[in-house]
Amino acid sequence: MSRRHDQSYKLLFSLPIAIEHLINGLINADLAAELDFDRAENLASEGTTVLPWSAVKRG
């Protein structure tokens, strides 16, 4: 059962749009507007347990 949830978690957080929506819902709208999700980079590696993304400030 745990493995299935782990696979679902990894799939969900591999989608850039899911990360964008999550960040936009969690942080201040002004701060979120400064992030360029089109240039966000997936930093996932085996064993990653946190959001494996690097966002870039616009500009």
PDB file of N, CA and C in Angstrom:
ATOM      1  N   MET A   1       0.831  -1.190   0.000  1.00  0.00           N
ATOM      2  CA  MET A   1       0.000   0.000   0.000  1.00  0.00           C
ATOM      3  C   MET A   1       0.872   1.249   0.000  1.00  0.00           C
ATOM      4  N   SER A   2       1.916   1.291   0.792  1.00  0.00           N
ATOM      5  CA  SER A   2       2.778   2.458   0.885  1.00  0.00           C
ATOM      6  C   SER A   2       3.425   2.788  -0.461  1.00  0.00           C
ATOM      7  N   ARG A   3       3.823   1.763  -1.185  1.00  0.00           N
ATOM      8  CA  ARG A   3       4.472   1.970  -2.487  1.00  0.00           C
ATOM      9  C   ARG A   3       3.513   2.649  -3.472  1.00  0.00           C
ATOM     10  N   ARG A   4       2.249   2.266  -3.450  1.00  0.00           N
ATOM     11  CA  ARG A   4       1.266   2.872  -4.349  1.00  0.00           C
ATOM     12  C   ARG A   4       1.108   4.364  -4.053  1.00  0.00           C
ATOM     13  N   HIS A   5       1.062   4.711  -2.769  1.00  0.00           N
ATOM     14  CA  HIS A   5       0.946   6.111  -2.393  1.00  0.00           C
ATOM     15  C   HIS A   5       2.209   6.884  -2.788  1.00  0.00           C
ATOM     16  N   ASP A   6       3.351   6.270  -2.637  1.00  0.00           N
ATOM     17  CA  ASP A   6       4.606   6.907  -3.011  1.00  0.00           C
ATOM     18  C   ASP A   6       4.625   7.194  -4.512  1.00  0.00           C
ATOM     19  N   GLN A   7       4.165   6.263  -5.324  1.00  0.00           N
ATOM     20  CA  GLN A   7       4.116   6.458  -6.770  1.00  0.00           C
ATOM     21  C   GLN A   7       3.138   7.577  -7.132  1.00  0.00           C
ATOM     22  N   SER A   8       2.009   7.633  -6.455  1.00  0.00           N
ATOM     23  CA  SER A   8       1.024   8.684  -6.715  1.00  0.00           C
ATOM     24  C   SER A   8       1.586  10.053  -6.348  1.00  0.00           C
ATOM     25  N   TYR A   9       2.274  10.129  -5.220  1.00  0.00           N
ATOM     26  CA  TYR A   9       2.910  11.365  -4.767  1.00  0.00           C
ATOM     27  C   TYR A   9       3.923  11.842  -5.807  1.00  0.00           C
ATOM     28  N   LYS A  10       4.767  10.937  -6.262  1.00  0.00           N
ATOM     29  CA  LYS A  10       5.790  11.297  -7.242  1.00  0.00           C
ATOM     30  C   LYS A  10       5.164  11.750  -8.556  1.00  0.00           C
ATOM     31  N   LEU A  11       4.099  11.095  -8.982  1.00  0.00           N
ATOM     32  CA  LEU A  11       3.422  11.491 -10.215  1.00  0.00           C
ATOM     33  C   LEU A  11       2.814  12.880 -10.069  1.00  0.00           C
ATOM     34  N   LEU A  12       2.106  13.113  -8.979  1.00  0.00           N
ATOM     35  CA  LEU A  12       1.473  14.410  -8.751  1.00  0.00           C
ATOM     36  C   LEU A  12       2.501  15.533  -8.778  1.00  0.00           C
ATOM     37  N   PHE A  13       3.601  15.351  -8.058  1.00  0.00           N
ATOM     38  CA  PHE A  13       4.591  16.413  -7.952  1.00  0.00           C
ATOM     39  C   PHE A  13       5.575  16.442  -9.111  1.00  0.00           C
ATOM     40  N   SER A  14       5.378  15.600 -10.105  1.00  0.00           N
ATOM     41  CA  SER A  14       6.176  15.686 -11.330  1.00  0.00           C
ATOM     42  C   SER A  14       5.507  16.621 -12.333  1.00  0.00           C
ATOM     43  N   LEU A  15       4.272  17.013 -12.058  1.00  0.00           N
ATOM     44  CA  LEU A  15       3.518  17.867 -12.973  1.00  0.00           C
ATOM     45  C   LEU A  15       3.718  19.339 -12.607  1.00  0.00           C
ATOM     46  N   PRO A  16       4.328  20.116 -13.492  1.00  0.00           N
ATOM     47  CA  PRO A  16       4.584  21.528 -13.179  1.00  0.00           C
ATOM     48  C   PRO A  16       3.325  22.309 -12.806  1.00  0.00           C
ATOM     49  N   ILE A  17       2.218  22.041 -13.446  1.00  0.00           N
ATOM     50  CA  ILE A  17       0.982  22.770 -13.146  1.00  0.00           C
ATOM     51  C   ILE A  17       0.500  22.484 -11.720  1.00  0.00           C
ATOM     52  N   ALA A  18       0.711  21.272 -11.241  1.00  0.00           N
ATOM     53  CA  ALA A  18       0.329  20.924  -9.870  1.00  0.00           C
ATOM     54  C   ALA A  18       1.172  21.709  -8.871  1.00  0.00           C
ATOM     55  N   ILE A  19       2.445  21.847  -9.156  1.00  0.00           N
ATOM     56  CA  ILE A  19       3.333  22.609  -8.278  1.00  0.00           C
ATOM     57  C   ILE A  19       2.924  24.083  -8.272  1.00  0.00           C
ATOM     58  N   GLU A  20       2.632  24.622  -9.448  1.00  0.00           N
ATOM     59  CA  GLU A  20       2.218  26.021  -9.538  1.00  0.00           C
ATOM     60  C   GLU A  20       0.954  26.286  -8.728  1.00  0.00           C
ATOM     61  N   HIS A  21      -0.034  25.410  -8.853  1.00  0.00           N
ATOM     62  CA  HIS A  21      -1.287  25.581  -8.107  1.00  0.00           C
ATOM     63  C   HIS A  21      -1.057  25.440  -6.604  1.00  0.00           C
ATOM     64  N   LEU A  22      -0.229  24.512  -6.219  1.00  0.00           N
ATOM     65  CA  LEU A  22       0.060  24.314  -4.803  1.00  0.00           C
ATOM     66  C   LEU A  22       0.743  25.550  -4.211  1.00  0.00           C
ATOM     67  N   ILE A  23       1.767  26.037  -4.886  1.00  0.00           N
ATOM     68  CA  ILE A  23       2.485  27.219  -4.397  1.00  0.00           C
ATOM     69  C   ILE A  23       1.561  28.434  -4.348  1.00  0.00           C
ATOM     70  N   ASN A  24       0.766  28.629  -5.396  1.00  0.00           N
ATOM     71  CA  ASN A  24      -0.154  29.767  -5.423  1.00  0.00           C
ATOM     72  C   ASN A  24      -1.174  29.704  -4.293  1.00  0.00           C
ATOM     73  N   GLY A  25      -1.522  28.509  -3.842  1.00  0.00           N
ATOM     74  CA  GLY A  25      -2.471  28.364  -2.750  1.00  0.00           C
ATOM     75  C   GLY A  25      -1.850  28.480  -1.373  1.00  0.00           C
ATOM     76  N   LEU A  26      -0.521  28.366  -1.290  1.00  0.00           N
ATOM     77  CA  LEU A  26       0.141  28.341   0.011  1.00  0.00           C
ATOM     78  C   LEU A  26       0.834  29.631   0.404  1.00  0.00           C
ATOM     79  N   ILE A  27       1.267  30.419  -0.569  1.00  0.00           N
ATOM     80  CA  ILE A  27       2.027  31.613  -0.212  1.00  0.00           C
ATOM     81  C   ILE A  27       1.303  32.881  -0.645  1.00  0.00           C
ATOM     82  N   ASN A  28       1.764  33.980  -0.176  1.00  0.00           N
ATOM     83  CA  ASN A  28       1.221  35.298  -0.494  1.00  0.00           C
ATOM     84  C   ASN A  28       1.131  35.466  -2.011  1.00  0.00           C
ATOM     85  N   ALA A  29       0.004  35.990  -2.508  1.00  0.00           N
ATOM     86  CA  ALA A  29      -0.227  36.141  -3.945  1.00  0.00           C
ATOM     87  C   ALA A  29       0.822  37.030  -4.610  1.00  0.00           C
ATOM     88  N   ASP A  30       1.265  38.084  -3.921  1.00  0.00           N
ATOM     89  CA  ASP A  30       2.289  38.971  -4.489  1.00  0.00           C
ATOM     90  C   ASP A  30       3.614  38.232  -4.676  1.00  0.00           C
ATOM     91  N   LEU A  31       3.968  37.423  -3.715  1.00  0.00           N
ATOM     92  CA  LEU A  31       5.202  36.639  -3.810  1.00  0.00           C
ATOM     93  C   LEU A  31       5.084  35.579  -4.905  1.00  0.00           C
ATOM     94  N   ALA A  32       3.960  34.893  -4.960  1.00  0.00           N
ATOM     95  CA  ALA A  32       3.746  33.858  -5.979  1.00  0.00           C
ATOM     96  C   ALA A  32       3.799  34.456  -7.381  1.00  0.00           C
ATOM     97  N   ALA A  33       3.313  35.689  -7.530  1.00  0.00           N
ATOM     98  CA  ALA A  33       3.313  36.347  -8.842  1.00  0.00           C
ATOM     99  C   ALA A  33       4.727  36.628  -9.333  1.00  0.00           C
ATOM    100  N   GLU A  34       5.686  36.672  -8.424  1.00  0.00           N
ATOM    101  CA  GLU A  34       7.078  36.920  -8.804  1.00  0.00           C
ATOM    102  C   GLU A  34       7.793  35.672  -9.304  1.00  0.00           C
ATOM    103  N   LEU A  35       7.196  34.513  -9.129  1.00  0.00           N
ATOM    104  CA  LEU A  35       7.842  33.266  -9.540  1.00  0.00           C
ATOM    105  C   LEU A  35       7.509  32.931 -10.989  1.00  0.00           C
ATOM    106  N   ASP A  36       8.495  32.493 -11.722  1.00  0.00           N
ATOM    107  CA  ASP A  36       8.332  32.121 -13.121  1.00  0.00           C
ATOM    108  C   ASP A  36       8.254  30.594 -13.209  1.00  0.00           C
ATOM    109  N   PHE A  37       7.044  30.077 -13.197  1.00  0.00           N
ATOM    110  CA  PHE A  37       6.867  28.623 -13.195  1.00  0.00           C
ATOM    111  C   PHE A  37       7.207  27.997 -14.543  1.00  0.00           C
ATOM    112  N   ASP A  38       7.272  28.807 -15.594  1.00  0.00           N
ATOM    113  CA  ASP A  38       7.677  28.275 -16.897  1.00  0.00           C
ATOM    114  C   ASP A  38       9.144  27.866 -16.899  1.00  0.00           C
ATOM    115  N   ARG A  39       9.917  28.467 -16.009  1.00  0.00           N
ATOM    116  CA  ARG A  39      11.346  28.130 -15.919  1.00  0.00           C
ATOM    117  C   ARG A  39      11.674  27.281 -14.690  1.00  0.00           C
ATOM    118  N   ALA A  40      10.642  26.841 -13.982  1.00  0.00           N
ATOM    119  CA  ALA A  40      10.877  25.998 -12.800  1.00  0.00           C
ATOM    120  C   ALA A  40      11.569  24.712 -13.226  1.00  0.00           C
ATOM    121  N   GLU A  41      12.411  24.216 -12.364  1.00  0.00           N
ATOM    122  CA  GLU A  41      13.207  23.031 -12.672  1.00  0.00           C
ATOM    123  C   GLU A  41      12.895  21.912 -11.691  1.00  0.00           C
ATOM    124  N   ASN A  42      12.616  20.740 -12.210  1.00  0.00           N
ATOM    125  CA  ASN A  42      12.358  19.571 -11.374  1.00  0.00           C
ATOM    126  C   ASN A  42      13.699  19.011 -10.910  1.00  0.00           C
ATOM    127  N   LEU A  43      13.911  18.988  -9.604  1.00  0.00           N
ATOM    128  CA  LEU A  43      15.161  18.508  -9.022  1.00  0.00           C
ATOM    129  C   LEU A  43      15.008  17.148  -8.364  1.00  0.00           C
ATOM    130  N   ALA A  44      13.963  16.438  -8.738  1.00  0.00           N
ATOM    131  CA  ALA A  44      13.654  15.159  -8.097  1.00  0.00           C
ATOM    132  C   ALA A  44      14.787  14.158  -8.285  1.00  0.00           C
ATOM    133  N   SER A  45      15.000  13.403  -7.244  1.00  0.00           N
ATOM    134  CA  SER A  45      15.927  12.281  -7.286  1.00  0.00           C
ATOM    135  C   SER A  45      15.335  11.171  -6.430  1.00  0.00           C
ATOM    136  N   GLU A  46      15.820  10.010  -6.572  1.00  0.00           N
ATOM    137  CA  GLU A  46      15.315   8.886  -5.779  1.00  0.00           C
ATOM    138  C   GLU A  46      15.494   9.198  -4.300  1.00  0.00           C
ATOM    139  N   GLY A  47      14.451   9.025  -3.532  1.00  0.00           N
ATOM    140  CA  GLY A  47      14.514   9.262  -2.100  1.00  0.00           C
ATOM    141  C   GLY A  47      14.115  10.664  -1.679  1.00  0.00           C
ATOM    142  N   THR A  48      13.731  11.507  -2.622  1.00  0.00           N
ATOM    143  CA  THR A  48      13.306  12.864  -2.286  1.00  0.00           C
ATOM    144  C   THR A  48      11.993  12.810  -1.516  1.00  0.00           C
ATOM    145  N   THR A  49      11.918  13.549  -0.414  1.00  0.00           N
ATOM    146  CA  THR A  49      10.705  13.527   0.398  1.00  0.00           C
ATOM    147  C   THR A  49      10.041  14.890   0.506  1.00  0.00           C
ATOM    148  N   VAL A  50      10.607  15.904  -0.104  1.00  0.00           N
ATOM    149  CA  VAL A  50      10.005  17.236  -0.099  1.00  0.00           C
ATOM    150  C   VAL A  50       9.747  17.657  -1.536  1.00  0.00           C
ATOM    151  N   LEU A  51       9.117  18.816  -1.715  1.00  0.00           N
ATOM    152  CA  LEU A  51       8.845  19.287  -3.065  1.00  0.00           C
ATOM    153  C   LEU A  51      10.159  19.487  -3.809  1.00  0.00           C
ATOM    154  N   PRO A  52      10.406  18.673  -4.816  1.00  0.00           N
ATOM    155  CA  PRO A  52      11.703  18.709  -5.495  1.00  0.00           C
ATOM    156  C   PRO A  52      11.749  19.697  -6.660  1.00  0.00           C
ATOM    157  N   TRP A  53      11.436  20.951  -6.405  1.00  0.00           N
ATOM    158  CA  TRP A  53      11.384  21.938  -7.478  1.00  0.00           C
ATOM    159  C   TRP A  53      12.179  23.172  -7.104  1.00  0.00           C
ATOM    160  N   SER A  54      12.721  23.797  -8.100  1.00  0.00           N
ATOM    161  CA  SER A  54      13.390  25.074  -7.941  1.00  0.00           C
ATOM    162  C   SER A  54      12.665  26.078  -8.828  1.00  0.00           C
ATOM    163  N   ALA A  55      12.116  27.118  -8.234  1.00  0.00           N
ATOM    164  CA  ALA A  55      11.422  28.153  -8.993  1.00  0.00           C
ATOM    165  C   ALA A  55      12.358  29.343  -9.182  1.00  0.00           C
ATOM    166  N   VAL A  56      12.138  30.078 -10.247  1.00  0.00           N
ATOM    167  CA  VAL A  56      12.987  31.206 -10.589  1.00  0.00           C
ATOM    168  C   VAL A  56      12.151  32.485 -10.490  1.00  0.00           C
ATOM    169  N   LYS A  57      12.747  33.522  -9.934  1.00  0.00           N
ATOM    170  CA  LYS A  57      12.060  34.818  -9.846  1.00  0.00           C
ATOM    171  C   LYS A  57      11.971  35.438 -11.241  1.00  0.00           C
ATOM    172  N   ARG A  58      10.808  35.985 -11.540  1.00  0.00           N
ATOM    173  CA  ARG A  58      10.627  36.658 -12.840  1.00  0.00           C
ATOM    174  C   ARG A  58      11.556  37.856 -12.964  1.00  0.00           C
ATOM    175  N   GLY A  59      11.907  38.140 -14.223  1.00  0.00           N
ATOM    176  CA  GLY A  59      12.672  39.353 -14.471  1.00  0.00           C
ATOM    177  C   GLY A  59      14.066  39.140 -14.892  1.00  0.00           C
TER     178      GLY A  59
END
